[in-house]
């Protein structure tokens, strides 16, 4: 089972064979956000609080395209 904090490998897509850490999981849609993987550009409108422009951020990847490399138990032993 894939959980937050685990190290995973990407099996398919534009970031194939890259590795990263799980940042966030969307259980309802079976998707996960991986740190530094599947970067998209988002156009943000200017508001009173924030400056607008084009920002880069991680997007979700389906869990079936991920493979667990390191479990939390293995990380604790190191």
Foldseek 3Di string as FASTA:
>chain_A
DDDFQFKKAFCDDPRHRDIFGWHDADVVQQKTWGPPPQKDWDFADDDPVDGTGIDIDTDIDHNVRIDTDDDPVNVVVD
